[in-house]
Protein backbone atom coordinates (compact mmCIF):
# COMPACT_ATOMS: atom_id res chain seq x y z
CA MET A 1 0.00 0.00 0.00
CA ARG A 2 1.31 3.44 -0.92
CA LEU A 3 1.32 5.68 2.14
CA LYS A 4 0.08 9.26 1.97
CA THR A 5 2.50 12.12 2.52
CA PHE A 6 3.06 15.77 1.54
CA LYS A 7 5.24 17.32 -1.13
CA LYS A 8 8.96 17.78 -0.61
CA GLY A 9 10.46 17.26 2.82
CA VAL A 10 13.17 14.71 3.55
CA HIS A 11 13.08 11.08 4.61
CA PRO A 12 16.26 10.30 6.58
CA LYS A 13 17.05 6.89 7.98
CA GLU A 14 14.97 6.33 11.11
CA PHE A 15 17.33 4.50 13.48
CA LYS A 16 14.34 3.71 15.72
CA ALA A 17 14.87 -0.03 16.13
CA ASP A 18 17.05 0.27 19.24
CA SER A 19 14.35 1.95 21.35
CA ALA A 20 10.98 1.28 19.66
CA SER A 21 10.55 -2.11 21.34
CA LYS A 22 11.96 -1.16 24.74
CA PRO A 23 9.59 -0.16 27.55
CA ILE A 24 9.73 3.24 29.21
CA GLU A 25 11.94 3.27 32.31
CA ARG A 26 11.62 5.44 35.41
CA MET A 27 14.80 7.37 36.10
CA PRO A 28 16.23 7.56 39.64
CA VAL A 29 15.48 10.68 41.67
CA PRO A 30 18.35 13.17 41.20
CA ALA A 31 20.21 14.72 44.12
CA GLU A 32 19.64 18.24 42.76
CA VAL A 33 17.55 19.88 40.05
CA ILE A 34 17.61 23.25 38.31
CA ILE A 35 14.10 24.27 37.23
CA PRO A 36 13.81 27.30 34.92
CA LEU A 37 10.70 29.42 35.45
CA GLN A 38 10.49 29.91 31.66
CA GLN A 39 9.59 26.51 30.21
CA HIS A 40 6.97 27.64 27.71
CA ILE A 41 6.28 30.29 25.11
CA GLY A 42 4.80 33.47 26.57
CA ALA A 43 5.29 35.20 29.91
CA PRO A 44 7.72 33.64 32.40
CA CYS A 45 6.51 32.43 35.78
CA THR A 46 6.80 34.33 39.03
CA SER A 47 8.54 32.46 41.83
CA VAL A 48 6.24 31.62 44.77
CA VAL A 49 8.93 29.98 46.91
CA SER A 50 11.94 31.34 48.79
CA LYS A 51 15.47 30.23 49.59
CA GLY A 52 15.58 27.68 52.39
CA GLN A 53 11.92 26.66 51.97
CA THR A 54 11.04 22.97 52.03
CA VAL A 55 9.02 21.76 49.04
CA LYS A 56 7.49 18.50 47.93
CA THR A 57 7.26 16.86 44.52
CA GLY A 58 4.46 18.43 42.49
CA GLN A 59 4.28 21.59 44.57
CA VAL A 60 3.87 24.85 42.64
CA ILE A 61 7.11 26.85 42.63
CA GLY A 62 6.29 29.20 39.72
CA GLN A 63 2.92 30.87 39.12
CA SER A 64 1.85 31.77 35.58
CA GLY A 65 2.66 35.35 34.66
CA GLY A 66 -0.06 36.01 32.08
CA PHE A 67 -2.69 34.44 29.85
CA VAL A 68 -0.06 32.87 27.57
CA SER A 69 1.94 31.30 30.37
CA SER A 70 1.91 28.17 32.48
CA THR A 71 2.62 26.83 35.97
CA VAL A 72 5.90 25.22 37.04
CA HIS A 73 6.20 22.59 39.77
CA ALA A 74 8.93 21.00 41.87
CA THR A 75 10.13 17.74 40.35
CA ILE A 76 11.68 16.42 43.57
CA SER A 77 11.15 16.99 47.30
CA GLY A 78 13.79 18.88 49.22
CA THR A 79 14.97 22.38 50.08
CA ILE A 80 15.22 25.47 47.89
CA LYS A 81 18.96 26.03 47.56
CA THR A 82 18.86 29.23 45.52
CA ILE A 83 16.72 31.25 43.11
CA GLU A 84 18.79 33.04 40.50
CA PRO A 85 19.21 33.60 36.73
CA LEU A 86 20.95 30.59 35.18
CA ALA A 87 21.82 29.36 31.68
CA HIS A 88 18.85 28.29 29.55
CA PRO A 89 18.67 26.30 26.28
CA ALA A 90 16.78 29.19 24.63
CA GLY A 91 19.77 31.52 25.05
CA PRO A 92 19.57 34.25 27.71
CA ASN A 93 19.78 33.39 31.39
CA VAL A 94 16.41 32.63 32.98
CA LEU A 95 15.33 32.91 36.61
CA SER A 96 15.60 29.35 37.94
CA VAL A 97 14.86 27.48 41.15
CA VAL A 98 17.55 25.10 42.41
CA ILE A 99 16.29 22.34 44.71
CA ALA A 100 18.58 20.16 46.83
CA GLY A 101 16.79 16.83 47.08
CA ASP A 102 16.11 14.93 50.29
CA GLY A 103 15.89 11.56 48.53
CA LYS A 104 12.34 10.95 49.79
CA ASP A 105 10.35 12.00 46.70
CA GLU A 106 7.40 12.99 48.90
CA TRP A 107 4.45 14.28 46.87
CA PHE A 108 2.50 17.44 47.59
CA VAL A 109 -1.19 17.06 48.49
CA ASN A 110 -3.28 20.22 48.10
CA GLY A 111 -6.13 18.99 50.30
CA THR A 112 -8.90 20.15 47.96
CA THR A 113 -12.02 18.06 47.43
CA GLN A 114 -11.66 15.91 44.34
CA LYS A 115 -14.49 15.80 41.81
CA SER A 116 -14.92 13.63 38.76
CA TRP A 117 -13.80 15.40 35.59
CA GLU A 118 -17.22 14.59 34.16
CA ASP A 119 -18.78 16.94 36.73
CA LEU A 120 -16.49 19.85 35.87
CA THR A 121 -17.32 22.76 33.57
CA ARG A 122 -15.12 23.70 30.60
CA ASP A 123 -13.66 26.63 32.61
CA GLU A 124 -12.88 24.39 35.58
CA ILE A 125 -11.10 21.90 33.32
CA ASN A 126 -9.08 24.69 31.69
CA ASN A 127 -8.09 26.05 35.11
CA LEU A 128 -6.89 22.60 36.15
CA ILE A 129 -4.88 22.29 32.92
CA LEU A 130 -3.34 25.71 33.63
CA SER A 131 -2.51 24.87 37.25
CA GLY A 132 -1.17 21.49 36.16
CA GLY A 133 1.40 23.16 33.90
CA VAL A 134 0.31 21.25 30.80
CA VAL A 135 2.06 22.51 27.64
CA GLY A 136 2.77 21.17 24.19
CA LEU A 137 5.90 19.08 23.79
CA GLY A 138 7.01 20.73 20.57
CA GLY A 139 9.67 23.40 20.39
CA ALA A 140 7.38 26.24 21.53
CA ALA A 141 5.93 24.40 24.56
CA PHE A 142 2.68 26.30 23.93
CA PRO A 143 0.34 26.31 26.99
CA THR A 144 -2.49 23.84 26.42
CA HIS A 145 -5.16 25.84 28.27
CA VAL A 146 -4.74 28.62 25.68
CA LYS A 147 -5.36 26.19 22.81
CA LEU A 148 -8.58 25.04 24.49
CA ASN A 149 -9.80 28.60 25.11
CA PRO A 150 -10.45 30.16 21.68
CA PRO A 151 -11.89 33.67 21.23
CA LYS A 152 -15.62 34.01 21.80
CA ASN A 153 -16.30 34.32 18.06
CA LYS A 154 -14.30 31.18 17.24
CA SER A 155 -14.91 27.50 17.91
CA ILE A 156 -12.96 24.25 17.81
CA ASP A 157 -14.44 21.71 15.43
CA THR A 158 -11.59 19.22 15.00
CA LEU A 159 -9.10 17.61 17.38
CA ILE A 160 -6.02 15.95 15.87
CA ILE A 161 -4.03 13.64 18.13
CA ASN A 162 -0.51 13.93 16.79
CA GLY A 163 1.54 10.83 17.51
CA CYS A 164 3.82 11.19 14.50
CA GLU A 165 7.57 11.09 15.09
CA CYS A 166 9.19 11.79 11.75
CA GLU A 167 12.59 12.65 13.25
CA PRO A 168 15.26 9.93 13.47
CA TYR A 169 15.77 8.08 16.77
CA LEU A 170 12.62 9.41 18.48
CA THR A 171 10.18 6.76 19.79
CA ALA A 172 8.78 8.44 22.92
CA ASP A 173 5.28 9.00 21.47
CA HIS A 174 5.31 5.48 20.05
CA ARG A 175 6.04 3.95 23.46
CA MET A 176 3.42 6.14 25.16
CA MET A 177 0.75 4.93 22.73
CA VAL A 178 1.79 1.31 23.16
CA GLU A 179 2.01 1.38 26.96
CA PHE A 180 -0.63 3.93 28.01
CA PRO A 181 -3.55 3.84 25.54
CA ASP A 182 -6.24 4.15 28.22
CA GLN A 183 -4.66 7.26 29.71
CA ILE A 184 -4.39 8.83 26.25
CA VAL A 185 -8.04 8.10 25.53
CA LEU A 186 -9.01 9.61 28.90
CA GLY A 187 -7.04 12.75 28.03
CA ILE A 188 -8.87 12.98 24.71
CA ARG A 189 -12.25 12.66 26.43
CA ILE A 190 -11.36 15.40 28.92
CA MET A 191 -10.26 17.77 26.14
CA LEU A 192 -13.42 17.11 24.15
CA ARG A 193 -15.81 17.88 26.95
CA PRO A 194 -18.42 19.25 26.59
CA SER A 195 -18.33 19.26 22.75
CA ALA A 196 -18.22 16.45 20.20
CA PHE A 197 -15.45 16.48 17.60
CA ASP A 198 -14.44 14.53 14.56
CA ALA A 199 -11.23 13.07 15.99
CA PRO A 200 -9.04 11.46 13.32
CA LEU A 201 -6.09 9.31 14.35
CA SER A 202 -3.18 9.56 11.94
CA GLU A 203 -0.55 6.85 12.22
CA SER A 204 2.99 6.62 10.91
CA LYS A 205 3.40 3.01 12.01
CA PRO A 206 0.84 0.16 12.19
CA THR A 207 1.87 -0.55 15.80
CA ASN A 208 0.77 2.95 16.79
CA ARG A 209 -2.84 1.83 16.93
CA MET A 210 -2.56 1.83 20.71
CA ARG A 211 -3.49 -1.87 20.70
CA SER A 212 -7.09 -0.69 20.52
CA PRO A 213 -9.36 -2.76 18.24
CA ALA A 214 -12.41 -0.57 18.88
CA TRP A 215 -11.82 3.16 19.07
CA PRO A 216 -15.55 3.98 18.86
CA GLY A 217 -16.08 1.89 22.00
CA ARG A 218 -13.37 3.81 23.83
CA LEU A 219 -14.70 7.19 22.70
CA PRO A 220 -18.49 7.08 23.15
CA ASN A 221 -20.60 9.67 21.33
CA ILE A 222 -17.59 10.74 19.26
CA GLN A 223 -17.25 10.09 15.55
CA THR A 224 -13.83 8.80 14.56
CA SER A 225 -12.50 8.77 11.00
CA PRO A 226 -10.80 5.72 9.43
CA SER A 227 -7.14 5.27 10.26
CA ASN A 228 -4.88 6.08 7.31
CA PRO A 229 -1.20 5.30 7.90
CA LEU A 230 1.09 8.11 6.77
CA ARG A 231 4.61 7.99 5.38
CA SER A 232 7.17 9.45 7.78
CA ASN A 233 8.41 12.70 6.28
CA THR A 234 10.41 15.51 7.87
CA PRO A 235 9.37 19.04 6.77
CA ARG A 236 12.18 21.23 5.47
CA GLY A 237 11.82 24.48 7.36
CA ARG A 238 14.47 26.04 9.55
CA LYS A 239 15.68 22.52 10.39
CA ARG A 240 17.24 21.93 6.99
CA CYS A 241 19.28 18.79 6.47
């Protein structure tokens, strides 16, 4: 079968065999972490912790600084060692929180009453996405709550779940779809509430079908389009080969 693709682009060797079949592993808790308060496109976060303060894993350490912004959390439990501008992959130094770990990996509990996501309004879901620090995993790390909050005169009619990994070596999305299909489907259902979308699933590999023989059964009241495998193709933009 000839796979669909787009014009031009490049098709480098994939080199995915070494990791595509290997399960995701949990890394050991580091002794120290440096957490930049600018991990997304838009306004940087404002620090809500201070030097010497004890924090737990998952605790908010950076509050969003605007509409196009997100929330940053502690990734380990321990003590705030310093808060200062440090080197950042984007270029200029960025205000960062350095945490000296205690080795316990104790998680923060906010103590709020938990409700089922099905009982939440669209605004409540968006606020949870904002406070959870959910952003896109592309280069821009665009805040997800902004994508789900279009202008009043606009609406979202289509949701595309992008699991394509056209770049060589990368198999992270592939492994997530193989190992955590139920969690992905739950995330889709949460994003769709309270509207119904046409939610196509585009696949670059047959094994990326999330081991799910019945998508309509997993996504009730949602119309899904037929799965059409696509040919892996890397666009030629600023990342020229």
